[in-house]
Amino acid sequence: MSTLGMDPGTAQNKDALRRFYSSRDPTRVKNVDPLFLRFDDDAILEACKTKYGTGPPGWNGEDDDVDDATSSEFKEGRSVRTQVAASD
């Protein structure tokens, strides 16, 4: 399926999901395009987190090695620690 005219974030998320499925559940790679036709990016991400405990690395352009279920808390904590360290 062509990504021409597609939101760049969605195209990036499709690639991330293909890589994720390639390593976790190769039989699902063929379902990536139909998933994005039926569901929005947020619903797909939440389904991955529910089924696999994490989302695809690279989702929305983020390059996380941290489990996505805790990544926002981790990033917020890191940001606060960085600010505190800079003010010392």
PDB file of N, CA and C in Angstrom:
ATOM      1  N   MET A   1       0.846  -1.182   0.000  1.00  0.00           N
ATOM      2  CA  MET A   1       0.000   0.000   0.000  1.00  0.00           C
ATOM      3  C   MET A   1       0.884   1.235   0.000  1.00  0.00           C
ATOM      4  N   SER A   2       0.505   2.231  -0.768  1.00  0.00           N
ATOM      5  CA  SER A   2       1.271   3.462  -0.883  1.00  0.00           C
ATOM      6  C   SER A   2       1.079   4.336   0.341  1.00  0.00           C
ATOM      7  N   THR A   3       2.152   5.020   0.734  1.00  0.00           N
ATOM      8  CA  THR A   3       2.060   5.972   1.843  1.00  0.00           C
ATOM      9  C   THR A   3       1.965   7.398   1.324  1.00  0.00           C
ATOM     10  N   LEU A   4       1.838   7.564  -0.016  1.00  0.00           N
ATOM     11  CA  LEU A   4       1.711   8.877  -0.634  1.00  0.00           C
ATOM     12  C   LEU A   4       0.463   9.572  -0.110  1.00  0.00           C
ATOM     13  N   GLY A   5       0.615  10.782   0.387  1.00  0.00           N
ATOM     14  CA  GLY A   5      -0.515  11.546   0.897  1.00  0.00           C
ATOM     15  C   GLY A   5      -0.915  11.162   2.317  1.00  0.00           C
ATOM     16  N   MET A   6      -0.229  10.224   2.915  1.00  0.00           N
ATOM     17  CA  MET A   6      -0.529   9.781   4.271  1.00  0.00           C
ATOM     18  C   MET A   6       0.190  10.678   5.269  1.00  0.00           C
ATOM     19  N   ASP A   7      -0.427  10.868   6.407  1.00  0.00           N
ATOM     20  CA  ASP A   7       0.206  11.599   7.502  1.00  0.00           C
ATOM     21  C   ASP A   7       1.565  10.963   7.786  1.00  0.00           C
ATOM     22  N   PRO A   8       2.643  11.757   7.842  1.00  0.00           N
ATOM     23  CA  PRO A   8       3.975  11.186   8.083  1.00  0.00           C
ATOM     24  C   PRO A   8       4.048  10.377   9.375  1.00  0.00           C
ATOM     25  N   GLY A   9       3.314  10.784  10.389  1.00  0.00           N
ATOM     26  CA  GLY A   9       3.302  10.033  11.648  1.00  0.00           C
ATOM     27  C   GLY A   9       2.702   8.661  11.472  1.00  0.00           C
ATOM     28  N   THR A  10       1.634   8.573  10.693  1.00  0.00           N
ATOM     29  CA  THR A  10       1.010   7.276  10.439  1.00  0.00           C
ATOM     30  C   THR A  10       1.935   6.379   9.632  1.00  0.00           C
ATOM     31  N   ALA A  11       2.608   6.927   8.634  1.00  0.00           N
ATOM     32  CA  ALA A  11       3.552   6.139   7.845  1.00  0.00           C
ATOM     33  C   ALA A  11       4.673   5.613   8.738  1.00  0.00           C
ATOM     34  N   GLN A  12       5.150   6.446   9.638  1.00  0.00           N
ATOM     35  CA  GLN A  12       6.207   6.051  10.574  1.00  0.00           C
ATOM     36  C   GLN A  12       5.697   4.963  11.524  1.00  0.00           C
ATOM     37  N   ASN A  13       4.456   5.109  11.970  1.00  0.00           N
ATOM     38  CA  ASN A  13       3.878   4.126  12.878  1.00  0.00           C
ATOM     39  C   ASN A  13       3.671   2.787  12.183  1.00  0.00           C
ATOM     40  N   LYS A  14       3.289   2.823  10.902  1.00  0.00           N
ATOM     41  CA  LYS A  14       3.157   1.581  10.137  1.00  0.00           C
ATOM     42  C   LYS A  14       4.494   0.850  10.075  1.00  0.00           C
ATOM     43  N   ASP A  15       5.542   1.583   9.779  1.00  0.00           N
ATOM     44  CA  ASP A  15       6.876   0.976   9.726  1.00  0.00           C
ATOM     45  C   ASP A  15       7.262   0.402  11.088  1.00  0.00           C
ATOM     46  N   ALA A  16       6.980   1.151  12.143  1.00  0.00           N
ATOM     47  CA  ALA A  16       7.304   0.683  13.493  1.00  0.00           C
ATOM     48  C   ALA A  16       6.531  -0.591  13.823  1.00  0.00           C
ATOM     49  N   LEU A  17       5.257  -0.640  13.441  1.00  0.00           N
ATOM     50  CA  LEU A  17       4.441  -1.821  13.725  1.00  0.00           C
ATOM     51  C   LEU A  17       4.912  -3.019  12.905  1.00  0.00           C
ATOM     52  N   ARG A  18       5.316  -2.794  11.665  1.00  0.00           N
ATOM     53  CA  ARG A  18       5.853  -3.897  10.853  1.00  0.00           C
ATOM     54  C   ARG A  18       7.109  -4.483  11.501  1.00  0.00           C
ATOM     55  N   ARG A  19       8.019  -3.618  11.955  1.00  0.00           N
ATOM     56  CA  ARG A  19       9.233  -4.103  12.617  1.00  0.00           C
ATOM     57  C   ARG A  19       8.892  -4.851  13.909  1.00  0.00           C
ATOM     58  N   PHE A  20       7.945  -4.297  14.656  1.00  0.00           N
ATOM     59  CA  PHE A  20       7.506  -4.898  15.919  1.00  0.00           C
ATOM     60  C   PHE A  20       6.934  -6.289  15.673  1.00  0.00           C
ATOM     61  N   TYR A  21       6.016  -6.385  14.715  1.00  0.00           N
ATOM     62  CA  TYR A  21       5.418  -7.685  14.400  1.00  0.00           C
ATOM     63  C   TYR A  21       6.450  -8.650  13.823  1.00  0.00           C
ATOM     64  N   SER A  22       7.399  -8.164  13.059  1.00  0.00           N
ATOM     65  CA  SER A  22       8.429  -9.033  12.490  1.00  0.00           C
ATOM     66  C   SER A  22       9.187  -9.778  13.575  1.00  0.00           C
ATOM     67  N   SER A  23       9.417  -9.106  14.692  1.00  0.00           N
ATOM     68  CA  SER A  23      10.165  -9.745  15.771  1.00  0.00           C
ATOM     69  C   SER A  23       9.268 -10.461  16.781  1.00  0.00           C
ATOM     70  N   ARG A  24       8.040  -9.999  16.950  1.00  0.00           N
ATOM     71  CA  ARG A  24       7.173 -10.559  17.990  1.00  0.00           C
ATOM     72  C   ARG A  24       6.160 -11.581  17.472  1.00  0.00           C
ATOM     73  N   ASP A  25       5.598 -11.313  16.280  1.00  0.00           N
ATOM     74  CA  ASP A  25       4.515 -12.152  15.766  1.00  0.00           C
ATOM     75  C   ASP A  25       4.466 -12.011  14.242  1.00  0.00           C
ATOM     76  N   PRO A  26       5.422 -12.633  13.543  1.00  0.00           N
ATOM     77  CA  PRO A  26       5.560 -12.441  12.088  1.00  0.00           C
ATOM     78  C   PRO A  26       4.294 -12.706  11.275  1.00  0.00           C
ATOM     79  N   THR A  27       3.398 -13.541  11.776  1.00  0.00           N
ATOM     80  CA  THR A  27       2.170 -13.810  11.016  1.00  0.00           C
ATOM     81  C   THR A  27       1.270 -12.587  10.913  1.00  0.00           C
ATOM     82  N   ARG A  28       1.481 -11.594  11.749  1.00  0.00           N
ATOM     83  CA  ARG A  28       0.630 -10.396  11.756  1.00  0.00           C
ATOM     84  C   ARG A  28       1.128  -9.274  10.848  1.00  0.00           C
ATOM     85  N   VAL A  29       2.322  -9.396  10.303  1.00  0.00           N
ATOM     86  CA  VAL A  29       2.868  -8.332   9.449  1.00  0.00           C
ATOM     87  C   VAL A  29       1.913  -8.011   8.302  1.00  0.00           C
ATOM     88  N   LYS A  30       1.294  -9.031   7.745  1.00  0.00           N
ATOM     89  CA  LYS A  30       0.383  -8.829   6.611  1.00  0.00           C
ATOM     90  C   LYS A  30      -0.875  -8.036   6.998  1.00  0.00           C
ATOM     91  N   ASN A  31      -1.141  -7.905   8.284  1.00  0.00           N
ATOM     92  CA  ASN A  31      -2.341  -7.207   8.755  1.00  0.00           C
ATOM     93  C   ASN A  31      -2.124  -5.724   9.037  1.00  0.00           C
ATOM     94  N   VAL A  32      -0.909  -5.237   8.870  1.00  0.00           N
ATOM     95  CA  VAL A  32      -0.609  -3.851   9.248  1.00  0.00           C
ATOM     96  C   VAL A  32      -1.452  -2.856   8.453  1.00  0.00           C
ATOM     97  N   ASP A  33      -1.435  -2.946   7.132  1.00  0.00           N
ATOM     98  CA  ASP A  33      -2.202  -1.982   6.327  1.00  0.00           C
ATOM     99  C   ASP A  33      -3.699  -2.017   6.650  1.00  0.00           C
ATOM    100  N   PRO A  34      -4.326  -3.181   6.713  1.00  0.00           N
ATOM    101  CA  PRO A  34      -5.746  -3.202   7.073  1.00  0.00           C
ATOM    102  C   PRO A  34      -6.041  -2.624   8.459  1.00  0.00           C
ATOM    103  N   LEU A  35      -5.130  -2.826   9.409  1.00  0.00           N
ATOM    104  CA  LEU A  35      -5.338  -2.249  10.744  1.00  0.00           C
ATOM    105  C   LEU A  35      -5.444  -0.733  10.678  1.00  0.00           C
ATOM    106  N   PHE A  36      -4.558  -0.111   9.895  1.00  0.00           N
ATOM    107  CA  PHE A  36      -4.553   1.349   9.811  1.00  0.00           C
ATOM    108  C   PHE A  36      -5.739   1.888   9.015  1.00  0.00           C
ATOM    109  N   LEU A  37      -6.374   1.042   8.232  1.00  0.00           N
ATOM    110  CA  LEU A  37      -7.594   1.460   7.540  1.00  0.00           C
ATOM    111  C   LEU A  37      -8.795   1.433   8.481  1.00  0.00           C
ATOM    112  N   ARG A  38      -8.770   0.519   9.441  1.00  0.00           N
ATOM    113  CA  ARG A  38      -9.911   0.331  10.336  1.00  0.00           C
ATOM    114  C   ARG A  38      -9.814   1.123  11.638  1.00  0.00           C
ATOM    115  N   PHE A  39      -8.588   1.351  12.127  1.00  0.00           N
ATOM    116  CA  PHE A  39      -8.405   1.949  13.449  1.00  0.00           C
ATOM    117  C   PHE A  39      -7.442   3.116  13.379  1.00  0.00           C
ATOM    118  N   ASP A  40      -7.579   4.044  14.333  1.00  0.00           N
ATOM    119  CA  ASP A  40      -6.615   5.142  14.383  1.00  0.00           C
ATOM    120  C   ASP A  40      -5.361   4.688  15.126  1.00  0.00           C
ATOM    121  N   ASP A  41      -4.310   5.483  15.019  1.00  0.00           N
ATOM    122  CA  ASP A  41      -3.001   5.129  15.580  1.00  0.00           C
ATOM    123  C   ASP A  41      -3.077   4.844  17.082  1.00  0.00           C
ATOM    124  N   ASP A  42      -3.830   5.671  17.809  1.00  0.00           N
ATOM    125  CA  ASP A  42      -3.911   5.499  19.263  1.00  0.00           C
ATOM    126  C   ASP A  42      -4.541   4.166  19.643  1.00  0.00           C
ATOM    127  N   ALA A  43      -5.576   3.755  18.923  1.00  0.00           N
ATOM    128  CA  ALA A  43      -6.243   2.481  19.215  1.00  0.00           C
ATOM    129  C   ALA A  43      -5.302   1.306  18.941  1.00  0.00           C
ATOM    130  N   ILE A  44      -4.517   1.395  17.877  1.00  0.00           N
ATOM    131  CA  ILE A  44      -3.569   0.336  17.544  1.00  0.00           C
ATOM    132  C   ILE A  44      -2.478   0.245  18.611  1.00  0.00           C
ATOM    133  N   LEU A  45      -1.970   1.381  19.036  1.00  0.00           N
ATOM    134  CA  LEU A  45      -0.941   1.403  20.073  1.00  0.00           C
ATOM    135  C   LEU A  45      -1.469   0.789  21.371  1.00  0.00           C
ATOM    136  N   GLU A  46      -2.667   1.161  21.772  1.00  0.00           N
ATOM    137  CA  GLU A  46      -3.248   0.620  23.000  1.00  0.00           C
ATOM    138  C   GLU A  46      -3.463  -0.884  22.903  1.00  0.00           C
ATOM    139  N   ALA A  47      -3.864  -1.370  21.731  1.00  0.00           N
ATOM    140  CA  ALA A  47      -4.043  -2.811  21.537  1.00  0.00           C
ATOM    141  C   ALA A  47      -2.701  -3.545  21.677  1.00  0.00           C
ATOM    142  N   CYS A  48      -1.642  -2.968  21.131  1.00  0.00           N
ATOM    143  CA  CYS A  48      -0.307  -3.575  21.277  1.00  0.00           C
ATOM    144  C   CYS A  48       0.104  -3.628  22.738  1.00  0.00           C
ATOM    145  N   LYS A  49      -0.118  -2.542  23.448  1.00  0.00           N
ATOM    146  CA  LYS A  49       0.256  -2.504  24.860  1.00  0.00           C
ATOM    147  C   LYS A  49      -0.530  -3.537  25.660  1.00  0.00           C
ATOM    148  N   THR A  50      -1.803  -3.702  25.320  1.00  0.00           N
ATOM    149  CA  THR A  50      -2.636  -4.673  26.024  1.00  0.00           C
ATOM    150  C   THR A  50      -2.181  -6.099  25.737  1.00  0.00           C
ATOM    151  N   LYS A  51      -1.916  -6.392  24.468  1.00  0.00           N
ATOM    152  CA  LYS A  51      -1.553  -7.763  24.079  1.00  0.00           C
ATOM    153  C   LYS A  51      -0.108  -8.121  24.424  1.00  0.00           C
ATOM    154  N   TYR A  52       0.821  -7.187  24.171  1.00  0.00           N
ATOM    155  CA  TYR A  52       2.247  -7.503  24.304  1.00  0.00           C
ATOM    156  C   TYR A  52       2.919  -6.845  25.508  1.00  0.00           C
ATOM    157  N   GLY A  53       2.217  -5.947  26.179  1.00  0.00           N
ATOM    158  CA  GLY A  53       2.799  -5.266  27.330  1.00  0.00           C
ATOM    159  C   GLY A  53       3.644  -4.057  26.967  1.00  0.00           C
ATOM    160  N   THR A  54       3.758  -3.777  25.677  1.00  0.00           N
ATOM    161  CA  THR A  54       4.546  -2.645  25.202  1.00  0.00           C
ATOM    162  C   THR A  54       4.076  -2.274  23.805  1.00  0.00           C
ATOM    163  N   GLY A  55       4.447  -1.084  23.397  1.00  0.00           N
ATOM    164  CA  GLY A  55       4.166  -0.659  22.030  1.00  0.00           C
ATOM    165  C   GLY A  55       5.413  -0.764  21.182  1.00  0.00           C
ATOM    166  N   PRO A  56       5.254  -0.604  19.883  1.00  0.00           N
ATOM    167  CA  PRO A  56       6.413  -0.696  18.987  1.00  0.00           C
ATOM    168  C   PRO A  56       7.419   0.425  19.224  1.00  0.00           C
ATOM    169  N   PRO A  57       8.716   0.098  19.334  1.00  0.00           N
ATOM    170  CA  PRO A  57       9.730   1.154  19.392  1.00  0.00           C
ATOM    171  C   PRO A  57       9.664   1.989  18.115  1.00  0.00           C
ATOM    172  N   GLY A  58       9.796   3.276  18.246  1.00  0.00           N
ATOM    173  CA  GLY A  58       9.726   4.162  17.088  1.00  0.00           C
ATOM    174  C   GLY A  58       8.337   4.706  16.822  1.00  0.00           C
ATOM    175  N   TRP A  59       7.354   4.337  17.627  1.00  0.00           N
ATOM    176  CA  TRP A  59       5.984   4.828  17.445  1.00  0.00           C
ATOM    177  C   TRP A  59       5.970   6.337  17.623  1.00  0.00           C
ATOM    178  N   ASN A  60       5.330   7.051  16.728  1.00  0.00           N
ATOM    179  CA  ASN A  60       5.277   8.520  16.733  1.00  0.00           C
ATOM    180  C   ASN A  60       6.662   9.143  16.726  1.00  0.00           C
ATOM    181  N   GLY A  61       7.623   8.451  16.125  1.00  0.00           N
ATOM    182  CA  GLY A  61       8.967   8.999  15.985  1.00  0.00           C
ATOM    183  C   GLY A  61       9.830   8.889  17.220  1.00  0.00           C
ATOM    184  N   GLU A  62       9.318   8.267  18.267  1.00  0.00           N
ATOM    185  CA  GLU A  62      10.090   8.116  19.493  1.00  0.00           C
ATOM    186  C   GLU A  62      10.959   6.885  19.379  1.00  0.00           C
ATOM    187  N   ASP A  63      12.181   7.002  19.815  1.00  0.00           N
ATOM    188  CA  ASP A  63      13.110   5.878  19.784  1.00  0.00           C
ATOM    189  C   ASP A  63      13.330   5.414  21.211  1.00  0.00           C
ATOM    190  N   ASP A  64      12.393   4.610  21.712  1.00  0.00           N
ATOM    191  CA  ASP A  64      12.410   4.188  23.100  1.00  0.00           C
ATOM    192  C   ASP A  64      12.974   2.799  23.252  1.00  0.00           C
ATOM    193  N   ASP A  65      13.811   2.622  24.257  1.00  0.00           N
ATOM    194  CA  ASP A  65      14.208   1.288  24.688  1.00  0.00           C
ATOM    195  C   ASP A  65      13.445   0.932  25.956  1.00  0.00           C
ATOM    196  N   VAL A  66      12.609   1.860  26.423  1.00  0.00           N
ATOM    197  CA  VAL A  66      11.857   1.686  27.651  1.00  0.00           C
ATOM    198  C   VAL A  66      10.476   1.171  27.304  1.00  0.00           C
ATOM    199  N   ASP A  67       9.929   0.298  28.127  1.00  0.00           N
ATOM    200  CA  ASP A  67       8.580  -0.212  27.939  1.00  0.00           C
ATOM    201  C   ASP A  67       7.623   0.967  27.811  1.00  0.00           C
ATOM    202  N   ASP A  68       6.828   0.996  26.746  1.00  0.00           N
ATOM    203  CA  ASP A  68       5.937   2.126  26.486  1.00  0.00           C
ATOM    204  C   ASP A  68       4.896   2.325  27.577  1.00  0.00           C
ATOM    205  N   ALA A  69       4.569   1.290  28.321  1.00  0.00           N
ATOM    206  CA  ALA A  69       3.583   1.440  29.380  1.00  0.00           C
ATOM    207  C   ALA A  69       4.088   2.385  30.462  1.00  0.00           C
ATOM    208  N   THR A  70       5.403   2.535  30.582  1.00  0.00           N
ATOM    209  CA  THR A  70       5.961   3.415  31.611  1.00  0.00           C
ATOM    210  C   THR A  70       6.801   4.538  31.021  1.00  0.00           C
ATOM    211  N   SER A  71       6.855   4.635  29.707  1.00  0.00           N
ATOM    212  CA  SER A  71       7.772   5.583  29.088  1.00  0.00           C
ATOM    213  C   SER A  71       7.440   7.030  29.411  1.00  0.00           C
ATOM    214  N   SER A  72       6.149   7.390  29.490  1.00  0.00           N
ATOM    215  CA  SER A  72       5.833   8.788  29.776  1.00  0.00           C
ATOM    216  C   SER A  72       6.261   9.158  31.192  1.00  0.00           C
ATOM    217  N   GLU A  73       6.051   8.237  32.141  1.00  0.00           N
ATOM    218  CA  GLU A  73       6.488   8.505  33.502  1.00  0.00           C
ATOM    219  C   GLU A  73       8.010   8.595  33.563  1.00  0.00           C
ATOM    220  N   PHE A  74       8.690   7.727  32.842  1.00  0.00           N
ATOM    221  CA  PHE A  74      10.150   7.743  32.807  1.00  0.00           C
ATOM    222  C   PHE A  74      10.651   9.062  32.238  1.00  0.00           C
ATOM    223  N   LYS A  75      10.083   9.483  31.119  1.00  0.00           N
ATOM    224  CA  LYS A  75      10.527  10.719  30.482  1.00  0.00           C
ATOM    225  C   LYS A  75      10.270  11.919  31.380  1.00  0.00           C
ATOM    226  N   GLU A  76       9.102  11.955  32.027  1.00  0.00           N
ATOM    227  CA  GLU A  76       8.802  13.069  32.922  1.00  0.00           C
ATOM    228  C   GLU A  76       9.792  13.091  34.081  1.00  0.00           C
ATOM    229  N   GLY A  77      10.090  11.920  34.651  1.00  0.00           N
ATOM    230  CA  GLY A  77      11.048  11.837  35.750  1.00  0.00           C
ATOM    231  C   GLY A  77      12.434  12.258  35.320  1.00  0.00           C
ATOM    232  N   ARG A  78      12.842  11.830  34.138  1.00  0.00           N
ATOM    233  CA  ARG A  78      14.165  12.193  33.617  1.00  0.00           C
ATOM    234  C   ARG A  78      14.238  13.694  33.408  1.00  0.00           C
ATOM    235  N   SER A  79      13.163  14.277  32.900  1.00  0.00           N
ATOM    236  CA  SER A  79      13.123  15.712  32.666  1.00  0.00           C
ATOM    237  C   SER A  79      13.257  16.486  33.966  1.00  0.00           C
ATOM    238  N   VAL A  80      12.545  16.040  34.994  1.00  0.00           N
ATOM    239  CA  VAL A  80      12.610  16.708  36.299  1.00  0.00           C
ATOM    240  C   VAL A  80      14.011  16.557  36.887  1.00  0.00           C
ATOM    241  N   ARG A  81      14.590  15.350  36.818  1.00  0.00           N
ATOM    242  CA  ARG A  81      15.936  15.159  37.356  1.00  0.00           C
ATOM    243  C   ARG A  81      16.947  16.033  36.636  1.00  0.00           C
ATOM    244  N   THR A  82      16.800  16.173  35.308  1.00  0.00           N
ATOM    245  CA  THR A  82      17.714  16.999  34.526  1.00  0.00           C
ATOM    246  C   THR A  82      17.611  18.454  34.981  1.00  0.00           C
ATOM    247  N   GLN A  83      16.389  18.940  35.212  1.00  0.00           N
ATOM    248  CA  GLN A  83      16.201  20.318  35.633  1.00  0.00           C
ATOM    249  C   GLN A  83      16.796  20.550  37.020  1.00  0.00           C
ATOM    250  N   VAL A  84      16.601  19.587  37.932  1.00  0.00           N
ATOM    251  CA  VAL A  84      17.128  19.713  39.280  1.00  0.00           C
ATOM    252  C   VAL A  84      18.662  19.696  39.236  1.00  0.00           C
ATOM    253  N   ALA A  85      19.230  18.800  38.457  1.00  0.00           N
ATOM    254  CA  ALA A  85      20.682  18.710  38.358  1.00  0.00           C
ATOM    255  C   ALA A  85      21.272  19.990  37.779  1.00  0.00           C
ATOM    256  N   ALA A  86      20.578  20.567  36.828  1.00  0.00           N
ATOM    257  CA  ALA A  86      21.066  21.797  36.191  1.00  0.00           C
ATOM    258  C   ALA A  86      21.009  22.988  37.139  1.00  0.00           C
ATOM    259  N   SER A  87      20.080  22.943  38.094  1.00  0.00           N
ATOM    260  CA  SER A  87      19.937  24.064  39.013  1.00  0.00           C
ATOM    261  C   SER A  87      20.869  23.974  40.210  1.00  0.00           C
ATOM    262  N   ASP A  88      21.487  22.810  40.428  1.00  0.00           N
ATOM    263  CA  ASP A  88      22.404  22.623  41.575  1.00  0.00           C
ATOM    264  C   ASP A  88      23.707  23.344  41.394  1.00  0.00           C
TER     265      ASP A  88
END
